Amino acid sequence: MSVVDSDIDWHDGILVDIRLSGLAGEVQELALVIDLYPDNDPNSKRRRYLCIGAKLSRFLLSGDVARLLKNRSVGNICSMRVEFTADSEILVIDLFGGMIEAEAASFQLTETSA
């Protein structure tokens, strides 16, 4: 699923993993494993998603690892959104203990098994 096909504003998630690849000359890619609520139902449980930014053009990452780890069971993502430009998408994640901002040709959000 493309993030454009889904709700593009999330809150109260858990950042599980971050991977940056392609700096040796391949296509640059940012991969995030995140646990998000799939809908607005208060009885829903978080589900695991893989968010891939393909053809990454820039990224900023700042974080306090101890604070991110401290909040991982209750939620270390305050909010997460995608902004759109004419030729790219910008992912902005406000973390409890940092932030992530990345610009890529597109972001894909795919549910995975936990």
N, C-alpha and C. Protein backbone atom coordinates (compact mmCIF):
# COMPACT_ATOMS: atom_id res chain seq x y z
N MET A 1 0.85 -1.17 0.00
CA MET A 1 0.00 0.00 0.00
C MET A 1 0.90 1.23 0.00
N SER A 2 0.61 2.17 -0.84
CA SER A 2 1.31 3.44 -0.83
C SER A 2 0.74 4.28 0.29
N VAL A 3 1.55 5.11 0.90
CA VAL A 3 1.02 5.95 1.97
C VAL A 3 -0.05 6.90 1.44
N VAL A 4 -0.02 7.20 0.16
CA VAL A 4 -1.04 8.07 -0.40
C VAL A 4 -2.41 7.37 -0.42
N ASP A 5 -2.43 6.04 -0.38
CA ASP A 5 -3.67 5.28 -0.36
C ASP A 5 -4.24 5.12 1.04
N SER A 6 -3.52 5.55 2.04
CA SER A 6 -3.95 5.34 3.42
C SER A 6 -3.97 6.68 4.15
N ASP A 7 -4.40 6.62 5.40
CA ASP A 7 -4.37 7.80 6.23
C ASP A 7 -2.90 8.23 6.34
N ILE A 8 -2.63 9.50 6.15
CA ILE A 8 -1.23 9.94 6.12
C ILE A 8 -0.84 10.72 7.36
N ASP A 9 -1.58 10.52 8.45
CA ASP A 9 -1.26 11.20 9.70
C ASP A 9 -1.50 10.20 10.84
N TRP A 10 -0.41 9.77 11.49
CA TRP A 10 -0.52 8.78 12.54
C TRP A 10 -0.02 9.38 13.85
N HIS A 11 -0.35 8.74 14.95
CA HIS A 11 0.18 9.16 16.25
C HIS A 11 0.32 7.92 17.14
N ASP A 12 1.07 8.09 18.20
CA ASP A 12 1.20 7.06 19.23
C ASP A 12 1.65 5.72 18.68
N GLY A 13 2.81 5.71 18.05
CA GLY A 13 3.37 4.48 17.51
C GLY A 13 4.67 4.12 18.20
N ILE A 14 5.25 3.04 17.74
CA ILE A 14 6.52 2.57 18.29
C ILE A 14 7.51 2.38 17.14
N LEU A 15 8.64 3.07 17.22
CA LEU A 15 9.73 2.87 16.28
C LEU A 15 10.52 1.65 16.74
N VAL A 16 10.57 0.63 15.89
CA VAL A 16 11.22 -0.63 16.24
C VAL A 16 12.63 -0.70 15.66
N ASP A 17 12.79 -0.24 14.41
CA ASP A 17 14.09 -0.37 13.75
C ASP A 17 14.20 0.66 12.63
N ILE A 18 15.43 1.06 12.34
CA ILE A 18 15.75 1.98 11.25
C ILE A 18 16.90 1.38 10.46
N ARG A 19 16.80 1.41 9.13
CA ARG A 19 17.90 0.95 8.28
C ARG A 19 18.05 1.90 7.10
N LEU A 20 19.27 2.28 6.84
CA LEU A 20 19.61 3.13 5.71
C LEU A 20 20.53 2.32 4.82
N SER A 21 20.20 2.24 3.54
CA SER A 21 21.03 1.44 2.64
C SER A 21 21.25 2.18 1.32
N GLY A 22 22.21 1.69 0.58
CA GLY A 22 22.49 2.23 -0.74
C GLY A 22 23.55 3.30 -0.79
N LEU A 23 24.25 3.53 0.29
CA LEU A 23 25.26 4.58 0.29
C LEU A 23 26.54 4.16 -0.43
N ALA A 24 26.62 2.90 -0.82
CA ALA A 24 27.79 2.43 -1.56
C ALA A 24 27.57 2.53 -3.07
N GLY A 25 26.53 3.26 -3.48
CA GLY A 25 26.30 3.46 -4.90
C GLY A 25 25.01 2.86 -5.43
N GLU A 26 24.33 2.03 -4.63
CA GLU A 26 23.05 1.49 -5.07
C GLU A 26 21.99 2.58 -4.88
N VAL A 27 20.73 2.22 -5.13
CA VAL A 27 19.63 3.15 -4.89
C VAL A 27 19.48 3.34 -3.38
N GLN A 28 19.49 4.57 -2.94
CA GLN A 28 19.41 4.87 -1.52
C GLN A 28 17.98 4.62 -1.03
N GLU A 29 17.89 4.00 0.16
CA GLU A 29 16.60 3.60 0.69
C GLU A 29 16.61 3.71 2.21
N LEU A 30 15.51 4.20 2.76
CA LEU A 30 15.31 4.24 4.20
C LEU A 30 14.20 3.26 4.53
N ALA A 31 14.46 2.35 5.47
CA ALA A 31 13.46 1.38 5.89
C ALA A 31 13.21 1.55 7.38
N LEU A 32 11.96 1.68 7.75
CA LEU A 32 11.56 1.79 9.14
C LEU A 32 10.61 0.66 9.48
N VAL A 33 10.83 0.02 10.61
CA VAL A 33 9.87 -0.93 11.15
C VAL A 33 9.17 -0.19 12.27
N ILE A 34 7.83 -0.10 12.16
CA ILE A 34 7.06 0.68 13.12
C ILE A 34 5.79 -0.09 13.50
N ASP A 35 5.36 0.10 14.72
CA ASP A 35 4.10 -0.46 15.18
C ASP A 35 3.11 0.69 15.28
N LEU A 36 1.99 0.57 14.55
CA LEU A 36 0.98 1.63 14.49
C LEU A 36 -0.41 1.04 14.74
N TYR A 37 -1.30 1.87 15.22
CA TYR A 37 -2.70 1.47 15.30
C TYR A 37 -3.28 1.50 13.89
N PRO A 38 -3.98 0.47 13.46
CA PRO A 38 -4.47 0.40 12.08
C PRO A 38 -5.70 1.28 11.81
N ASP A 39 -6.38 1.71 12.87
CA ASP A 39 -7.61 2.49 12.69
C ASP A 39 -7.88 3.29 13.97
N ASN A 40 -9.03 3.90 14.04
CA ASN A 40 -9.38 4.74 15.20
C ASN A 40 -10.14 3.97 16.28
N ASP A 41 -10.28 2.66 16.13
CA ASP A 41 -10.98 1.85 17.12
C ASP A 41 -10.15 1.80 18.40
N PRO A 42 -10.69 2.25 19.54
CA PRO A 42 -9.91 2.26 20.79
C PRO A 42 -9.55 0.86 21.29
N ASN A 43 -10.19 -0.18 20.76
CA ASN A 43 -9.88 -1.55 21.17
C ASN A 43 -8.84 -2.22 20.28
N SER A 44 -8.42 -1.54 19.23
CA SER A 44 -7.41 -2.10 18.32
C SER A 44 -6.06 -2.19 19.00
N LYS A 45 -5.27 -3.15 18.55
CA LYS A 45 -3.88 -3.26 19.00
C LYS A 45 -2.99 -2.76 17.87
N ARG A 46 -1.80 -2.31 18.24
CA ARG A 46 -0.85 -1.89 17.22
C ARG A 46 -0.50 -3.07 16.33
N ARG A 47 -0.25 -2.76 15.06
CA ARG A 47 0.22 -3.76 14.11
C ARG A 47 1.57 -3.31 13.57
N ARG A 48 2.36 -4.27 13.13
CA ARG A 48 3.70 -3.97 12.63
C ARG A 48 3.66 -3.64 11.15
N TYR A 49 4.36 -2.55 10.79
CA TYR A 49 4.43 -2.10 9.40
C TYR A 49 5.88 -1.87 9.02
N LEU A 50 6.16 -2.06 7.74
CA LEU A 50 7.45 -1.72 7.14
C LEU A 50 7.19 -0.50 6.27
N CYS A 51 7.91 0.57 6.53
CA CYS A 51 7.79 1.81 5.75
C CYS A 51 9.09 1.99 4.98
N ILE A 52 9.00 1.96 3.65
CA ILE A 52 10.19 2.05 2.80
C ILE A 52 10.14 3.34 2.00
N GLY A 53 11.19 4.13 2.12
CA GLY A 53 11.37 5.32 1.29
C GLY A 53 12.34 4.99 0.18
N ALA A 54 11.85 4.94 -1.06
CA ALA A 54 12.67 4.56 -2.21
C ALA A 54 13.24 5.80 -2.89
N LYS A 55 14.44 5.68 -3.40
CA LYS A 55 15.15 6.78 -4.05
C LYS A 55 15.25 7.97 -3.10
N LEU A 56 15.81 7.69 -1.95
CA LEU A 56 15.99 8.68 -0.89
C LEU A 56 16.88 9.82 -1.37
N SER A 57 16.43 11.06 -1.15
CA SER A 57 17.25 12.20 -1.56
C SER A 57 17.84 12.95 -0.37
N ARG A 58 17.21 12.85 0.78
CA ARG A 58 17.78 13.46 1.99
C ARG A 58 17.14 12.85 3.22
N PHE A 59 17.87 12.92 4.33
CA PHE A 59 17.31 12.48 5.59
C PHE A 59 17.99 13.22 6.74
N LEU A 60 17.24 13.41 7.79
CA LEU A 60 17.73 13.98 9.04
C LEU A 60 17.30 13.04 10.14
N LEU A 61 18.18 12.78 11.08
CA LEU A 61 17.87 11.87 12.17
C LEU A 61 18.51 12.41 13.43
N SER A 62 17.71 12.54 14.46
CA SER A 62 18.21 12.98 15.75
C SER A 62 17.48 12.17 16.80
N GLY A 63 18.21 11.65 17.77
CA GLY A 63 17.52 10.86 18.79
C GLY A 63 18.35 10.62 20.02
N ASP A 64 17.65 10.53 21.13
CA ASP A 64 18.22 10.16 22.41
C ASP A 64 17.88 8.68 22.61
N VAL A 65 18.84 7.81 22.40
CA VAL A 65 18.59 6.37 22.40
C VAL A 65 18.00 5.91 23.73
N ALA A 66 18.50 6.39 24.84
CA ALA A 66 17.97 5.98 26.15
C ALA A 66 16.49 6.34 26.27
N ARG A 67 16.13 7.50 25.81
CA ARG A 67 14.72 7.93 25.89
C ARG A 67 13.84 7.14 24.92
N LEU A 68 14.34 6.85 23.72
CA LEU A 68 13.59 6.03 22.77
C LEU A 68 13.35 4.63 23.33
N LEU A 69 14.37 4.05 23.95
CA LEU A 69 14.23 2.72 24.53
C LEU A 69 13.29 2.73 25.74
N LYS A 70 13.37 3.77 26.54
CA LYS A 70 12.50 3.90 27.72
C LYS A 70 11.03 3.92 27.32
N ASN A 71 10.71 4.56 26.20
CA ASN A 71 9.32 4.72 25.77
C ASN A 71 8.86 3.68 24.76
N ARG A 72 9.69 2.68 24.45
CA ARG A 72 9.32 1.74 23.38
C ARG A 72 8.11 0.88 23.72
N SER A 73 7.81 0.64 24.96
CA SER A 73 6.65 -0.21 25.27
C SER A 73 5.34 0.59 25.26
N VAL A 74 5.40 1.88 25.53
CA VAL A 74 4.18 2.70 25.56
C VAL A 74 4.03 3.57 24.32
N GLY A 75 5.09 3.73 23.57
CA GLY A 75 5.05 4.52 22.35
C GLY A 75 6.13 5.58 22.34
N ASN A 76 7.07 5.47 21.40
CA ASN A 76 8.13 6.47 21.29
C ASN A 76 7.93 7.38 20.08
N ILE A 77 6.83 7.14 19.32
CA ILE A 77 6.46 8.04 18.22
C ILE A 77 5.33 8.92 18.71
N CYS A 78 5.56 10.22 18.74
CA CYS A 78 4.52 11.17 19.10
C CYS A 78 3.56 11.34 17.92
N SER A 79 4.12 11.66 16.75
CA SER A 79 3.30 11.80 15.55
C SER A 79 4.13 11.49 14.33
N MET A 80 3.43 11.17 13.25
CA MET A 80 4.08 10.78 11.99
C MET A 80 3.18 11.22 10.86
N ARG A 81 3.75 11.90 9.87
CA ARG A 81 2.94 12.36 8.74
C ARG A 81 3.76 12.34 7.46
N VAL A 82 3.06 12.42 6.34
CA VAL A 82 3.71 12.51 5.05
C VAL A 82 3.23 13.78 4.37
N GLU A 83 4.18 14.56 3.86
CA GLU A 83 3.88 15.77 3.09
C GLU A 83 4.27 15.48 1.65
N PHE A 84 3.56 16.10 0.72
CA PHE A 84 3.77 15.81 -0.70
C PHE A 84 4.26 17.05 -1.43
N THR A 85 5.25 16.86 -2.31
CA THR A 85 5.70 17.91 -3.22
C THR A 85 5.37 17.44 -4.63
N ALA A 86 5.73 18.22 -5.62
CA ALA A 86 5.43 17.84 -7.01
C ALA A 86 6.11 16.54 -7.42
N ASP A 87 7.30 16.26 -6.87
CA ASP A 87 8.03 15.07 -7.33
C ASP A 87 8.61 14.22 -6.20
N SER A 88 8.17 14.47 -4.96
CA SER A 88 8.69 13.65 -3.86
C SER A 88 7.69 13.63 -2.71
N GLU A 89 8.00 12.80 -1.73
CA GLU A 89 7.21 12.71 -0.50
C GLU A 89 8.17 12.93 0.66
N ILE A 90 7.69 13.62 1.69
CA ILE A 90 8.51 13.92 2.85
C ILE A 90 7.86 13.30 4.08
N LEU A 91 8.57 12.38 4.71
CA LEU A 91 8.11 11.72 5.92
C LEU A 91 8.68 12.48 7.11
N VAL A 92 7.80 12.86 8.03
CA VAL A 92 8.22 13.58 9.24
C VAL A 92 7.72 12.80 10.45
N ILE A 93 8.64 12.39 11.30
CA ILE A 93 8.28 11.65 12.50
C ILE A 93 8.81 12.41 13.71
N ASP A 94 7.91 12.78 14.60
CA ASP A 94 8.26 13.44 15.85
C ASP A 94 8.32 12.35 16.92
N LEU A 95 9.50 12.11 17.45
CA LEU A 95 9.72 11.06 18.42
C LEU A 95 9.79 11.64 19.82
N PHE A 96 9.45 10.82 20.80
CA PHE A 96 9.74 11.19 22.19
C PHE A 96 11.22 10.91 22.36
N GLY A 97 12.04 11.92 22.18
CA GLY A 97 13.48 11.76 22.26
C GLY A 97 14.18 11.99 20.93
N GLY A 98 13.50 12.63 19.96
CA GLY A 98 14.17 12.90 18.70
C GLY A 98 13.22 13.16 17.56
N MET A 99 13.75 13.06 16.33
CA MET A 99 12.93 13.26 15.14
C MET A 99 13.60 12.59 13.94
N ILE A 100 12.76 12.27 12.94
CA ILE A 100 13.23 11.75 11.67
C ILE A 100 12.52 12.54 10.58
N GLU A 101 13.28 13.01 9.62
CA GLU A 101 12.69 13.63 8.44
C GLU A 101 13.42 13.05 7.24
N ALA A 102 12.66 12.57 6.27
CA ALA A 102 13.26 11.96 5.09
C ALA A 102 12.46 12.32 3.86
N GLU A 103 13.17 12.57 2.76
CA GLU A 103 12.52 12.87 1.49
C GLU A 103 12.92 11.78 0.50
N ALA A 104 11.92 11.24 -0.18
CA ALA A 104 12.14 10.16 -1.14
C ALA A 104 11.17 10.30 -2.29
N ALA A 105 11.42 9.57 -3.37
CA ALA A 105 10.48 9.58 -4.50
C ALA A 105 9.10 9.10 -4.04
N SER A 106 9.09 8.09 -3.17
CA SER A 106 7.82 7.60 -2.61
C SER A 106 8.08 6.81 -1.36
N PHE A 107 7.06 6.69 -0.53
CA PHE A 107 7.09 5.85 0.66
C PHE A 107 6.00 4.79 0.52
N GLN A 108 6.35 3.56 0.84
CA GLN A 108 5.39 2.44 0.84
C GLN A 108 5.24 1.95 2.27
N LEU A 109 4.01 1.73 2.67
CA LEU A 109 3.70 1.22 4.01
C LEU A 109 3.06 -0.14 3.84
N THR A 110 3.70 -1.18 4.37
CA THR A 110 3.22 -2.54 4.22
C THR A 110 3.11 -3.20 5.57
N GLU A 111 1.96 -3.81 5.85
CA GLU A 111 1.81 -4.53 7.10
C GLU A 111 2.63 -5.81 7.03
N THR A 112 3.31 -6.12 8.13
CA THR A 112 4.13 -7.32 8.20
C THR A 112 3.73 -8.13 9.43
N SER A 113 4.28 -9.28 9.58
CA SER A 113 4.02 -10.06 10.78
C SER A 113 4.95 -9.56 11.89
N ALA A 114 4.44 -9.57 13.10
CA ALA A 114 5.23 -9.08 14.25
C ALA A 114 6.20 -10.11 14.62
